[in-house]
Amino acid sequence: MNVAQLVGKTLADLGVGHCFGVVGSGNFTITNTLMEHGVPFTAARHEGGAATMADAFARISGQVALLSVHQGCGLTNAATGVGEAAKSRTPMIVLAAEAAPSAVYSNFAMDQDGFAASVYAVPERVHSAASAVADTVRAYRRAVNDRRTVVLNLPLNVQAQEVADEQASAPVAIAPAEPIRPSHASVQALAGLLAGAQRPVFVAGRGGRGAKDEILAVARHAGALVATSAVAKGLFNADDFNLGISGGFSSPLAAELITGADLVIGFGCALNMWTMRQGHLIGAEAKVVQIDLEDLALGANRPIDLGVVGDAAQCATDVLAELVALGVAPREGYRRADVRARISESIHWGQVGYEDLSDSERIDPRTLTKALDQLLPSERILSIDSGNFMGYPSQFLSVPDEFGFCFTQAFQSIGLGLSTAIGAGLAQPGRLPVLGTGDGGFHMAIAELDTAVRLQLPLVCIVYNDAAYGAEVHHFAIDDPDADMSSVQFPDTDFAAIGRGFGADGITVRTLADLDEVREWVASNPSRPLVIDAKIASDKGSWWLAEAFKGH
């Protein structure tokens, strides 16, 4: 057994979930070894697509995902996907073949450590046959315990080294990390703030996705409304006092109720400009608390009144116990009957009235998305690309829970949506994968439609087609209505025909009547993707756009 095979076996023994990649000479052996040891492998058409598939799979499955790439250019091709995963703190390992140190004139030679660090990933390396297992376990621990994206460099000369029999047969395991418990002083301070609050609102982020029951228990005791950041959409679906997404996607009522809070608590939530609308969702007199596993995250995006280092679930459990110990009885707080009634009537964008802009040639994106929400099965996994359109699927398409929504937006790149949908769909095989994307992003990602076809994935691709980079068109038109938009506007594309060319089904939608074909496709027990080329009417810039561009 050589080092490449040992590393593959070790990762399989550690329980990694799935590997994605593009195979070349430098990563052929390790990829085959992973498959031999039971790790599923999906071959993508581009390393960038494979990186985002791995990112999405890890987010939705809760397992460590792998990305396998060739040395040098294979790694650079994956740059944006790796950067997205790293910024999102996705537990993922990039298996990056690397030119041998002596091969200074190799076409593939580059500073792979520096490259990894430049996109905020953690560089690691397998140094020798003697250290191969320890090096691999270290990379795995960094990914899992520190919630980091790790680039594990595999020099070709080291990969080829033979390993001793005892190394090849030695069992490998690591103990799971214990949740970080907040200090008693922090718990007391937070309980004191909750005891004095009349209108508390809890906002859970990705770090709160595993703490739903604990957060809701405190919310019900303290009379708090609950909301999420975009990445945790669906977490509190079953609660009558759920406000949905906090931030640019907030409905008018959600924004009103969050702004009216006298205490805002973020559970595993960055409270950044997106989630707090540049701070405008926080009332002038509101106290702000942030709970996070890392001290450096506390107050990183806005001033806070209290920062608590600790696991979200553990913190919620301890705070509830402290409230009980203090004799603070359960109370109504913000969970009043009149608030419940208003939430029931108008918390969702689908309940908000609008002027329908549809005509015989173009359909209003809100009308389109509301109709699709009814047509598509409710057991779905929704993935979102970036662009002017993104608010429509994010808020008009419902999801069953927090594992029904995948939002790869930390790097603000368009073109990640299709690969996100493939990775998320593989992580949730019992749910229908649904993609919301724009025409620009779908063009960038189109090669991976072949991957979805090969996987026989019944993936619904909703292409909001305005034949432009719509965000830029609307943003710059605000500043200068006479500006030349030729650099961001394009001839219309027939995505339905392109989809059929890849082996998918494809339809063009201009009116609601055209959606009858979607109903027929759903009823056919499909085993291939459906591309919906939706010719959408312009809304002169979606509601979240003004907030988004403030941070650019």
Protein backbone atom coordinates (compact mmCIF):
# COMPACT_ATOMS: atom_id res chain seq x y z
CA MET A 1 0.00 0.00 0.00
CA ASN A 2 1.29 3.48 -0.83
CA VAL A 3 0.56 6.80 0.90
CA ALA A 4 -2.22 7.80 -1.52
CA GLN A 5 -4.04 4.56 -0.76
CA LEU A 6 -3.44 4.91 2.98
CA VAL A 7 -4.84 8.45 3.04
CA GLY A 8 -7.93 7.30 1.14
CA LYS A 9 -8.45 4.36 3.49
CA THR A 10 -7.96 6.56 6.55
CA LEU A 11 -10.57 9.07 5.41
CA ALA A 12 -13.03 6.27 4.67
CA ASP A 13 -12.42 4.82 8.14
CA LEU A 14 -13.08 8.24 9.67
CA GLY A 15 -16.53 8.26 8.06
CA VAL A 16 -16.44 10.95 5.38
CA GLY A 17 -19.71 11.24 3.49
CA HIS A 18 -19.12 11.79 -0.22
CA CYS A 19 -16.34 12.80 -2.59
CA PHE A 20 -16.71 15.08 -5.61
CA GLY A 21 -14.06 16.00 -8.14
CA VAL A 22 -12.41 15.88 -11.51
CA VAL A 23 -9.82 13.11 -11.75
CA GLY A 24 -6.39 13.57 -13.26
CA SER A 25 -3.09 11.79 -12.90
CA GLY A 26 -2.33 13.26 -9.49
CA ASN A 27 -5.56 12.28 -7.75
CA PHE A 28 -6.50 9.09 -9.59
CA THR A 29 -5.19 6.64 -6.98
CA ILE A 30 -6.63 8.34 -3.91
CA THR A 31 -10.03 8.77 -5.57
CA ASN A 32 -10.18 5.11 -6.58
CA THR A 33 -9.14 4.08 -3.07
CA LEU A 34 -11.96 6.07 -1.55
CA MET A 35 -14.46 4.35 -3.82
CA GLU A 36 -12.96 0.93 -3.01
CA HIS A 37 -13.59 1.66 0.68
CA GLY A 38 -17.21 2.66 0.18
CA VAL A 39 -17.04 6.44 -0.20
CA PRO A 40 -19.39 7.53 -3.03
CA PHE A 41 -17.73 9.60 -5.76
CA THR A 42 -19.39 12.02 -8.15
CA ALA A 43 -17.39 13.10 -11.20
CA ALA A 44 -18.15 16.71 -12.08
CA ARG A 45 -17.39 18.48 -15.35
CA HIS A 46 -15.37 21.24 -13.68
CA GLU A 47 -13.51 21.47 -10.39
CA GLY A 48 -15.41 24.64 -9.48
CA GLY A 49 -18.67 22.74 -9.76
CA ALA A 50 -17.28 19.82 -7.77
CA ALA A 51 -16.18 22.16 -4.96
CA THR A 52 -19.64 23.65 -4.60
CA MET A 53 -21.28 20.21 -4.74
CA ALA A 54 -19.06 19.12 -1.86
CA ASP A 55 -19.85 22.30 0.07
CA ALA A 56 -23.60 21.83 -0.36
CA PHE A 57 -23.45 18.13 0.50
CA ALA A 58 -21.63 18.86 3.76
CA ARG A 59 -24.07 21.62 4.74
CA ILE A 60 -27.16 19.49 4.19
CA SER A 61 -25.92 16.05 5.28
CA GLY A 62 -23.91 17.08 8.34
CA GLN A 63 -21.06 14.87 7.13
CA VAL A 64 -17.57 15.87 6.05
CA ALA A 65 -17.42 16.08 2.26
CA LEU A 66 -14.34 15.67 0.10
CA LEU A 67 -13.16 17.45 -3.04
CA SER A 68 -10.56 15.61 -5.13
CA VAL A 69 -8.47 17.68 -7.57
CA HIS A 70 -5.38 17.46 -9.74
CA GLN A 71 -2.26 19.37 -8.74
CA GLY A 72 -1.95 23.05 -9.64
CA CYS A 73 -4.62 23.95 -12.16
CA GLY A 74 -7.11 21.47 -10.69
CA LEU A 75 -6.92 23.37 -7.43
CA THR A 76 -7.08 26.84 -8.98
CA ASN A 77 -10.12 25.82 -11.01
CA ALA A 78 -11.87 25.12 -7.71
CA ALA A 79 -11.01 28.51 -6.21
CA THR A 80 -14.44 30.12 -5.94
CA GLY A 81 -16.13 26.99 -4.60
CA VAL A 82 -13.39 26.47 -2.03
CA GLY A 83 -13.57 30.14 -1.05
CA GLU A 84 -17.34 29.90 -0.60
CA ALA A 85 -16.97 26.84 1.62
CA ALA A 86 -14.16 28.42 3.65
CA LYS A 87 -16.09 31.66 4.27
CA SER A 88 -19.09 29.57 5.35
CA ARG A 89 -16.96 27.45 7.70
CA THR A 90 -18.05 24.28 5.92
CA PRO A 91 -16.40 21.09 7.25
CA MET A 92 -14.82 19.96 4.00
CA ILE A 93 -11.47 18.53 2.95
CA VAL A 94 -9.87 19.31 -0.40
CA LEU A 95 -7.59 16.47 -1.48
CA ALA A 96 -5.15 18.42 -3.62
CA ALA A 97 -2.40 16.60 -5.45
CA GLU A 98 0.78 18.69 -5.42
CA ALA A 99 3.89 18.82 -7.55
CA ALA A 100 6.92 17.39 -5.76
CA PRO A 101 9.14 20.03 -4.10
CA SER A 102 11.99 19.03 -6.39
CA ALA A 103 9.88 19.60 -9.52
CA VAL A 104 10.54 23.34 -9.54
CA TYR A 105 9.91 23.62 -13.29
CA SER A 106 6.78 21.50 -13.38
CA ASN A 107 3.88 23.04 -15.28
CA PHE A 108 1.77 22.31 -12.20
CA ALA A 109 4.10 23.83 -9.60
CA MET A 110 2.59 26.59 -7.46
CA ASP A 111 2.30 27.78 -3.88
CA GLN A 112 -0.69 25.65 -2.87
CA ASP A 113 -0.39 26.63 0.80
CA GLY A 114 -0.51 30.31 -0.10
CA PHE A 115 -3.39 29.72 -2.47
CA ALA A 116 -5.44 27.93 0.21
CA ALA A 117 -4.80 30.67 2.73
CA SER A 118 -5.73 33.35 0.19
CA VAL A 119 -9.31 32.03 0.03
CA TYR A 120 -9.41 31.55 3.83
CA ALA A 121 -9.05 27.77 3.76
CA VAL A 122 -6.64 25.98 6.09
CA PRO A 123 -3.56 24.49 4.38
CA GLU A 124 -2.37 21.10 5.61
CA ARG A 125 -0.03 18.54 4.06
CA VAL A 126 0.82 14.86 4.13
CA HIS A 127 4.55 14.98 4.83
CA SER A 128 5.75 11.38 4.69
CA ALA A 129 4.75 7.75 4.84
CA ALA A 130 5.52 7.70 8.56
CA SER A 131 3.24 10.68 9.30
CA ALA A 132 0.51 10.05 6.71
CA VAL A 133 -2.17 8.82 9.13
CA ALA A 134 -1.46 11.54 11.69
CA ASP A 135 -1.46 14.21 8.97
CA THR A 136 -4.79 12.99 7.62
CA VAL A 137 -6.40 12.77 11.06
CA ARG A 138 -5.18 16.28 11.85
CA ALA A 139 -6.83 17.61 8.70
CA TYR A 140 -10.06 15.78 9.54
CA ARG A 141 -10.09 17.14 13.09
CA ARG A 142 -9.58 20.68 11.80
CA ALA A 143 -12.52 20.24 9.45
CA VAL A 144 -14.87 18.73 12.04
CA ASN A 145 -13.93 20.30 15.36
CA ASP A 146 -12.98 23.74 14.05
CA ARG A 147 -15.63 23.76 11.28
CA ARG A 148 -13.07 24.64 8.64
CA THR A 149 -12.43 23.93 4.99
CA VAL A 150 -9.03 22.24 4.82
CA VAL A 151 -6.80 21.89 1.77
CA LEU A 152 -4.81 18.70 2.35
CA ASN A 153 -1.86 18.86 -0.04
CA LEU A 154 -0.62 15.50 -1.32
CA PRO A 155 2.85 15.83 -2.90
CA LEU A 156 3.27 13.33 -5.73
CA ASN A 157 6.58 12.01 -4.39
CA VAL A 158 5.00 11.38 -0.96
CA GLN A 159 1.89 9.77 -2.46
CA ALA A 160 4.09 7.14 -4.10
CA GLN A 161 5.94 6.13 -0.91
CA GLU A 162 5.23 2.64 0.39
CA VAL A 163 3.88 2.30 3.92
CA ALA A 164 4.54 -0.37 6.52
CA ASP A 165 1.98 -3.14 6.99
CA GLU A 166 1.25 -2.11 10.57
CA GLN A 167 0.33 1.40 9.40
CA ALA A 168 -2.04 0.04 6.77
CA SER A 169 -3.89 -2.16 9.27
CA ALA A 170 -4.00 0.17 12.29
CA PRO A 171 -7.56 1.25 13.30
CA VAL A 172 -8.35 4.96 13.06
CA ALA A 173 -10.90 6.89 15.11
CA ILE A 174 -11.26 10.23 16.86
CA ALA A 175 -13.40 11.15 19.84
CA PRO A 176 -16.17 13.66 19.11
CA ALA A 177 -15.64 17.14 20.51
CA GLU A 178 -17.68 18.10 23.55
CA PRO A 179 -19.99 21.14 23.17
CA ILE A 180 -18.54 24.34 24.56
CA ARG A 181 -20.43 25.37 27.70
CA PRO A 182 -20.87 29.10 28.31
CA SER A 183 -19.53 30.59 31.53
CA HIS A 184 -21.93 30.91 34.45
CA ALA A 185 -21.40 34.67 34.47
CA SER A 186 -22.48 34.88 30.81
CA VAL A 187 -25.55 32.76 31.49
CA GLN A 188 -26.51 34.94 34.45
CA ALA A 189 -26.09 38.12 32.39
CA LEU A 190 -28.20 36.76 29.54
CA ALA A 191 -30.91 35.51 31.89
CA GLY A 192 -31.01 38.95 33.47
CA LEU A 193 -31.53 40.63 30.11
CA LEU A 194 -34.29 38.16 29.22
CA ALA A 195 -36.00 38.66 32.56
CA GLY A 196 -36.24 42.39 31.88
CA ALA A 197 -37.23 42.22 28.21
CA GLN A 198 -40.82 42.72 27.04
CA ARG A 199 -40.38 42.08 23.30
CA PRO A 200 -37.43 39.72 22.73
CA VAL A 201 -36.59 38.30 19.30
CA PHE A 202 -34.25 35.33 18.76
CA VAL A 203 -32.41 35.03 15.43
CA ALA A 204 -30.78 31.67 14.75
CA GLY A 205 -28.03 31.29 12.17
CA ARG A 206 -26.21 28.27 10.84
CA GLY A 207 -24.69 27.73 14.27
CA GLY A 208 -28.18 27.42 15.71
CA ARG A 209 -29.48 24.79 13.30
CA GLY A 210 -28.79 21.99 15.77
CA ALA A 211 -30.44 23.80 18.67
CA LYS A 212 -34.04 24.20 17.50
CA ASP A 213 -35.74 22.56 20.47
CA GLU A 214 -33.54 24.26 23.06
CA ILE A 215 -33.98 27.72 21.48
CA LEU A 216 -37.74 27.28 21.22
CA ALA A 217 -37.96 26.19 24.86
CA VAL A 218 -36.34 29.45 25.99
CA ALA A 219 -38.40 31.48 23.50
CA ARG A 220 -41.67 30.07 24.84
CA HIS A 221 -40.62 30.66 28.43
CA ALA A 222 -39.43 34.22 27.83
CA GLY A 223 -42.13 35.22 25.31
CA ALA A 224 -39.74 35.66 22.36
CA LEU A 225 -40.48 35.67 18.66
CA VAL A 226 -38.11 33.58 16.52
CA ALA A 227 -36.45 34.20 13.16
CA THR A 228 -33.45 32.90 11.23
CA SER A 229 -30.70 34.16 9.01
CA ALA A 230 -31.10 33.06 5.39
CA VAL A 231 -28.91 29.96 5.78
CA ALA A 232 -31.17 28.56 8.52
CA LYS A 233 -34.48 29.13 6.72
CA GLY A 234 -37.10 26.62 7.82
CA LEU A 235 -35.71 26.00 11.31
CA PHE A 236 -38.78 27.27 13.17
CA ASN A 237 -41.46 26.37 10.62
CA ALA A 238 -43.71 24.65 13.15
CA ASP A 239 -43.79 27.54 15.61
CA ASP A 240 -46.73 29.97 15.55
CA PHE A 241 -44.41 32.89 16.28
CA ASN A 242 -41.92 32.25 13.49
CA LEU A 243 -41.00 35.40 11.54
CA GLY A 244 -39.08 33.59 8.81
CA ILE A 245 -35.87 35.12 7.49
CA SER A 246 -34.43 38.20 9.17
CA GLY A 247 -32.73 40.62 6.78
CA GLY A 248 -33.12 41.67 3.18
CA PHE A 249 -35.64 38.89 2.56
CA SER A 250 -37.83 39.84 5.53
CA SER A 251 -41.48 40.45 4.75
CA PRO A 252 -42.82 43.87 5.81
CA LEU A 253 -44.41 42.40 8.94
CA ALA A 254 -41.26 40.48 9.89
CA ALA A 255 -39.17 43.64 9.55
CA GLU A 256 -41.68 45.59 11.65
CA LEU A 257 -41.74 43.05 14.49
CA ILE A 258 -37.95 42.60 14.56
CA THR A 259 -37.41 46.36 14.61
CA GLY A 260 -39.88 46.58 17.51
CA ALA A 261 -37.84 44.21 19.69
CA ASP A 262 -36.25 45.50 22.87
CA LEU A 263 -33.82 42.56 22.97
CA VAL A 264 -32.28 40.77 19.96
CA ILE A 265 -30.35 37.55 20.57
CA GLY A 266 -28.33 35.87 17.83
CA PHE A 267 -27.82 32.13 18.32
CA GLY A 268 -24.90 31.06 16.13
CA CYS A 269 -25.68 34.04 13.91
CA ALA A 270 -23.21 36.64 12.64
CA LEU A 271 -25.76 39.50 12.87
CA ASN A 272 -24.12 40.89 9.74
CA MET A 273 -25.33 43.54 7.30
CA TRP A 274 -27.50 41.01 5.44
CA THR A 275 -29.28 39.63 8.49
CA MET A 276 -29.75 43.00 10.16
CA ARG A 277 -30.20 45.19 7.03
CA GLN A 278 -27.12 47.26 7.81
CA GLY A 279 -28.38 47.49 11.41
CA HIS A 280 -31.74 49.02 10.42
CA LEU A 281 -33.64 46.03 11.85
CA ILE A 282 -32.34 46.78 15.33
CA GLY A 283 -34.37 49.39 17.22
CA ALA A 284 -32.57 52.33 18.79
CA GLU A 285 -33.24 51.14 22.33
CA ALA A 286 -32.77 47.41 21.73
CA LYS A 287 -30.12 45.41 23.56
CA VAL A 288 -28.13 43.01 21.36
CA VAL A 289 -26.67 39.66 22.43
CA GLN A 290 -24.56 37.33 20.28
CA ILE A 291 -23.83 33.68 21.09
CA ASP A 292 -21.05 31.97 19.16
CA LEU A 293 -18.46 29.25 19.52
CA GLU A 294 -15.63 31.70 18.85
CA ASP A 295 -14.73 34.83 20.77
CA LEU A 296 -13.49 36.58 17.60
CA ALA A 297 -16.98 36.34 16.08
CA LEU A 298 -18.58 38.30 18.89
CA GLY A 299 -19.26 41.87 17.83
CA ALA A 300 -17.39 41.37 14.55
CA ASN A 301 -20.18 42.90 12.47
CA ARG A 302 -21.90 45.31 14.84
CA PRO A 303 -21.71 46.55 18.44
CA ILE A 304 -23.27 44.17 20.95
CA ASP A 305 -24.25 44.54 24.59
CA LEU A 306 -23.31 40.99 25.57
CA GLY A 307 -21.19 38.35 23.89
CA VAL A 308 -21.42 34.72 24.98
CA VAL A 309 -18.88 32.09 23.96
CA GLY A 310 -20.60 28.74 23.82
CA ASP A 311 -22.63 26.16 21.96
CA ALA A 312 -26.09 27.48 21.02
CA ALA A 313 -28.01 24.49 22.38
CA GLN A 314 -25.99 24.34 25.58
CA CYS A 315 -26.38 28.07 26.12
CA ALA A 316 -30.15 27.92 25.61
CA THR A 317 -30.44 25.01 28.04
CA ASP A 318 -28.38 26.76 30.70
CA VAL A 319 -30.24 30.07 30.33
CA LEU A 320 -33.62 28.38 30.70
CA ALA A 321 -32.42 26.63 33.85
CA GLU A 322 -31.16 29.98 35.18
CA LEU A 323 -34.51 31.68 34.50
CA VAL A 324 -36.29 28.91 36.40
CA ALA A 325 -33.79 29.16 39.26
CA LEU A 326 -34.39 32.91 39.44
CA GLY A 327 -38.11 32.31 39.72
CA VAL A 328 -38.90 33.91 36.36
CA ALA A 329 -42.20 32.31 35.38
CA PRO A 330 -43.21 31.66 31.76
CA ARG A 331 -44.78 34.77 30.28
CA GLU A 332 -46.54 36.07 27.22
CA GLY A 333 -44.02 38.75 26.24
CA TYR A 334 -43.99 39.22 22.46
CA ARG A 335 -46.04 36.03 21.98
CA ARG A 336 -49.35 37.81 22.25
CA ALA A 337 -52.58 36.68 20.61
CA ASP A 338 -52.71 39.77 18.40
CA VAL A 339 -49.13 39.16 17.20
CA ARG A 340 -49.97 35.53 16.46
CA ALA A 341 -52.96 36.62 14.39
CA ARG A 342 -50.91 39.12 12.38
CA ILE A 343 -48.19 36.52 11.74
CA SER A 344 -50.78 34.01 10.55
CA GLU A 345 -52.32 36.55 8.16
CA SER A 346 -49.32 38.25 6.58
CA ILE A 347 -45.86 37.02 7.61
CA HIS A 348 -45.11 35.38 4.23
CA TRP A 349 -44.36 37.27 1.03
CA GLY A 350 -46.99 35.10 -0.63
CA GLN A 351 -49.56 36.84 1.59
CA VAL A 352 -48.45 40.33 0.55
CA GLY A 353 -50.34 41.95 -2.29
CA TYR A 354 -48.61 43.23 -5.44
CA GLU A 355 -49.32 44.52 -8.92
CA ASP A 356 -48.98 41.58 -11.31
CA LEU A 357 -46.63 42.62 -14.14
CA SER A 358 -47.35 39.58 -16.32
CA ASP A 359 -48.36 39.93 -19.96
CA SER A 360 -48.55 37.49 -22.88
CA GLU A 361 -44.77 37.47 -23.35
CA ARG A 362 -43.35 37.67 -19.84
CA ILE A 363 -44.49 36.39 -16.46
CA ASP A 364 -44.16 38.24 -13.16
CA PRO A 365 -41.53 36.34 -11.14
CA ARG A 366 -43.74 36.50 -8.04
CA THR A 367 -46.70 35.01 -9.89
CA LEU A 368 -44.44 32.31 -11.36
CA THR A 369 -42.91 31.35 -8.04
CA LYS A 370 -46.18 31.28 -6.11
CA ALA A 371 -47.62 28.94 -8.73
CA LEU A 372 -44.58 26.66 -8.63
CA ASP A 373 -44.81 26.50 -4.85
CA GLN A 374 -48.20 24.86 -5.27
CA LEU A 375 -47.19 22.61 -8.19
CA LEU A 376 -43.96 21.13 -6.82
CA PRO A 377 -43.92 18.54 -4.01
CA SER A 378 -43.54 20.08 -0.56
CA GLU A 379 -40.78 17.60 0.32
CA ARG A 380 -38.07 19.53 -1.46
CA ILE A 381 -34.50 20.74 -1.09
CA LEU A 382 -34.26 24.28 -2.43
CA SER A 383 -30.95 25.76 -3.60
CA ILE A 384 -30.41 29.37 -4.59
CA ASP A 385 -27.95 31.00 -6.96
CA SER A 386 -27.08 34.69 -6.60
CA GLY A 387 -28.57 37.56 -8.56
CA ASN A 388 -31.44 40.03 -8.80
CA PHE A 389 -33.98 37.17 -8.89
CA MET A 390 -32.87 35.41 -5.69
CA GLY A 391 -35.49 36.78 -3.34
CA TYR A 392 -38.32 35.14 -5.26
CA PRO A 393 -37.40 31.49 -4.73
CA SER A 394 -35.95 32.24 -1.29
CA GLN A 395 -39.20 33.63 0.04
CA PHE A 396 -42.02 32.45 -2.23
CA LEU A 397 -40.96 28.78 -2.24
CA SER A 398 -41.55 27.02 1.06
CA VAL A 399 -39.22 24.39 2.51
CA PRO A 400 -40.03 21.60 4.98
CA ASP A 401 -37.29 22.41 7.50
CA GLU A 402 -33.77 23.82 7.93
CA PHE A 403 -32.36 20.96 5.85
CA GLY A 404 -34.59 21.88 2.93
CA PHE A 405 -32.71 25.05 2.00
CA CYS A 406 -29.13 25.49 0.76
CA PHE A 407 -27.78 29.01 0.34
CA THR A 408 -24.18 29.28 -0.93
CA GLN A 409 -23.83 33.06 -0.81
CA ALA A 410 -20.87 33.82 1.47
CA PHE A 411 -18.58 34.73 -1.45
CA GLN A 412 -21.39 36.55 -3.30
CA SER A 413 -20.64 34.68 -6.53
CA ILE A 414 -23.18 33.96 -9.20
CA GLY A 415 -22.99 30.60 -10.95
CA LEU A 416 -22.83 28.34 -7.89
CA GLY A 417 -26.52 27.44 -7.83
CA LEU A 418 -26.61 24.44 -10.16
CA SER A 419 -23.76 22.68 -8.38
CA THR A 420 -25.30 23.59 -5.03
CA ALA A 421 -28.53 21.89 -6.10
CA ILE A 422 -26.70 18.72 -7.18
CA GLY A 423 -24.74 18.41 -3.94
CA ALA A 424 -27.77 19.19 -1.79
CA GLY A 425 -29.93 16.78 -3.79
CA LEU A 426 -27.46 13.94 -3.22
CA ALA A 427 -27.46 14.74 0.50
CA GLN A 428 -31.28 14.53 0.65
CA PRO A 429 -32.22 11.75 -1.80
CA GLY A 430 -35.80 11.56 -0.51
CA ARG A 431 -36.57 15.14 -1.52
CA LEU A 432 -37.07 16.84 -4.86
CA PRO A 433 -34.11 19.13 -5.62
CA VAL A 434 -35.22 22.57 -6.80
CA LEU A 435 -32.89 25.28 -8.11
CA GLY A 436 -33.62 28.98 -8.38
CA THR A 437 -31.12 30.66 -10.71
CA GLY A 438 -30.76 33.56 -13.09
CA ASP A 439 -29.82 33.34 -16.74
CA GLY A 440 -26.32 34.69 -16.07
CA GLY A 441 -25.57 32.19 -13.31
CA PHE A 442 -27.04 29.28 -15.26
CA HIS A 443 -24.84 30.11 -18.25
CA MET A 444 -21.78 30.03 -15.98
CA ALA A 445 -22.69 26.64 -14.52
CA ILE A 446 -24.31 24.93 -17.51
CA ALA A 447 -21.65 22.20 -17.89
CA GLU A 448 -22.84 20.61 -14.65
CA LEU A 449 -26.27 19.98 -16.15
CA ASP A 450 -24.54 16.98 -17.71
CA THR A 451 -23.64 15.80 -14.20
CA ALA A 452 -27.28 16.02 -13.10
CA VAL A 453 -28.37 14.09 -16.20
CA ARG A 454 -25.76 11.35 -15.60
CA LEU A 455 -26.95 11.06 -11.99
CA GLN A 456 -30.56 10.73 -13.21
CA LEU A 457 -31.42 13.50 -10.76
CA PRO A 458 -35.02 14.80 -11.02
CA LEU A 459 -33.79 18.36 -10.54
CA VAL A 460 -36.10 21.30 -11.25
CA CYS A 461 -34.06 24.23 -12.62
CA ILE A 462 -36.09 27.45 -12.48
CA VAL A 463 -34.21 29.93 -14.67
CA TYR A 464 -35.42 33.48 -14.04
CA ASN A 465 -34.49 34.74 -17.48
CA ASP A 466 -34.34 38.49 -18.05
CA ALA A 467 -31.44 38.24 -20.54
CA ALA A 468 -29.22 40.36 -18.35
CA TYR A 469 -27.20 40.61 -15.19
CA GLY A 470 -30.33 42.08 -13.66
CA ALA A 471 -28.81 43.26 -10.39
CA GLU A 472 -26.34 45.49 -12.22
CA VAL A 473 -28.96 46.74 -14.68
CA HIS A 474 -31.28 47.88 -11.93
CA HIS A 475 -28.57 49.14 -9.59
CA PHE A 476 -26.78 51.36 -12.09
CA ALA A 477 -30.03 52.54 -13.66
CA ILE A 478 -30.94 54.05 -10.29
CA ASP A 479 -27.82 56.23 -10.38
CA ASP A 480 -28.01 57.02 -14.11
CA PRO A 481 -31.16 56.10 -16.09
CA ASP A 482 -29.30 56.89 -19.33
CA ALA A 483 -26.28 54.68 -18.58
CA ASP A 484 -25.09 52.31 -21.33
CA MET A 485 -26.17 48.82 -20.22
CA SER A 486 -24.79 46.91 -23.20
CA SER A 487 -22.09 45.31 -21.01
CA VAL A 488 -24.69 43.63 -18.78
CA GLN A 489 -27.51 42.88 -21.23
CA PHE A 490 -27.50 40.00 -23.73
CA PRO A 491 -29.57 38.37 -26.47
CA ASP A 492 -32.22 36.05 -25.12
CA THR A 493 -31.22 32.39 -24.66
CA ASP A 494 -33.43 29.35 -25.24
CA PHE A 495 -32.54 27.45 -22.08
CA ALA A 496 -35.26 24.87 -22.69
CA ALA A 497 -33.52 23.82 -25.92
CA ILE A 498 -30.13 23.78 -24.22
CA GLY A 499 -31.57 21.62 -21.47
CA ARG A 500 -32.93 19.13 -23.98
CA GLY A 501 -29.54 19.09 -25.67
CA PHE A 502 -27.98 17.90 -22.42
CA GLY A 503 -30.60 15.17 -22.08
CA ALA A 504 -32.86 17.00 -19.65
CA ASP A 505 -36.47 18.02 -20.21
CA GLY A 506 -37.01 21.66 -21.09
CA ILE A 507 -39.98 24.01 -21.24
CA THR A 508 -40.44 27.73 -21.88
CA VAL A 509 -42.77 29.64 -19.57
CA ARG A 510 -44.33 32.98 -20.49
CA THR A 511 -47.75 32.55 -18.84
CA LEU A 512 -49.30 30.48 -16.06
CA ALA A 513 -50.84 28.17 -18.67
CA ASP A 514 -47.33 27.06 -19.68
CA LEU A 515 -46.87 25.54 -16.23
CA ASP A 516 -49.20 22.67 -17.10
CA GLU A 517 -46.10 20.92 -18.42
CA VAL A 518 -44.54 21.13 -14.97
CA ARG A 519 -47.54 19.36 -13.49
CA GLU A 520 -47.19 16.61 -16.10
CA TRP A 521 -43.45 16.28 -15.43
CA VAL A 522 -43.99 15.91 -11.66
CA ALA A 523 -46.65 13.23 -12.27
CA SER A 524 -44.32 11.24 -14.56
CA ASN A 525 -41.99 10.03 -11.76
CA PRO A 526 -39.08 11.74 -13.56
CA SER A 527 -35.49 10.53 -13.59
CA ARG A 528 -33.90 13.50 -15.33
CA PRO A 529 -33.76 17.26 -14.76
CA LEU A 530 -36.36 19.76 -15.91
CA VAL A 531 -35.14 23.15 -17.14
CA ILE A 532 -37.83 25.84 -16.85
CA ASP A 533 -36.85 28.80 -19.02
CA ALA A 534 -39.03 31.47 -17.40
CA LYS A 535 -39.18 34.69 -19.40
CA ILE A 536 -39.74 37.08 -16.51
CA ALA A 537 -41.11 40.60 -16.42
CA SER A 538 -38.88 43.26 -14.92
CA ASP A 539 -39.78 44.52 -11.47
CA LYS A 540 -37.30 47.44 -11.74
CA GLY A 541 -35.10 45.83 -9.09
CA SER A 542 -36.18 43.33 -6.44
CA TRP A 543 -36.86 44.49 -2.88
CA TRP A 544 -33.65 43.20 -1.36
CA LEU A 545 -31.41 44.82 -4.00
CA ALA A 546 -31.03 48.24 -2.37
CA GLU A 547 -29.86 46.61 0.87
CA ALA A 548 -27.47 44.32 -0.97
CA PHE A 549 -25.63 47.03 -2.84
CA LYS A 550 -25.08 49.15 0.25
CA GLY A 551 -22.39 46.68 1.26
CA HIS A 552 -20.58 46.56 -2.10
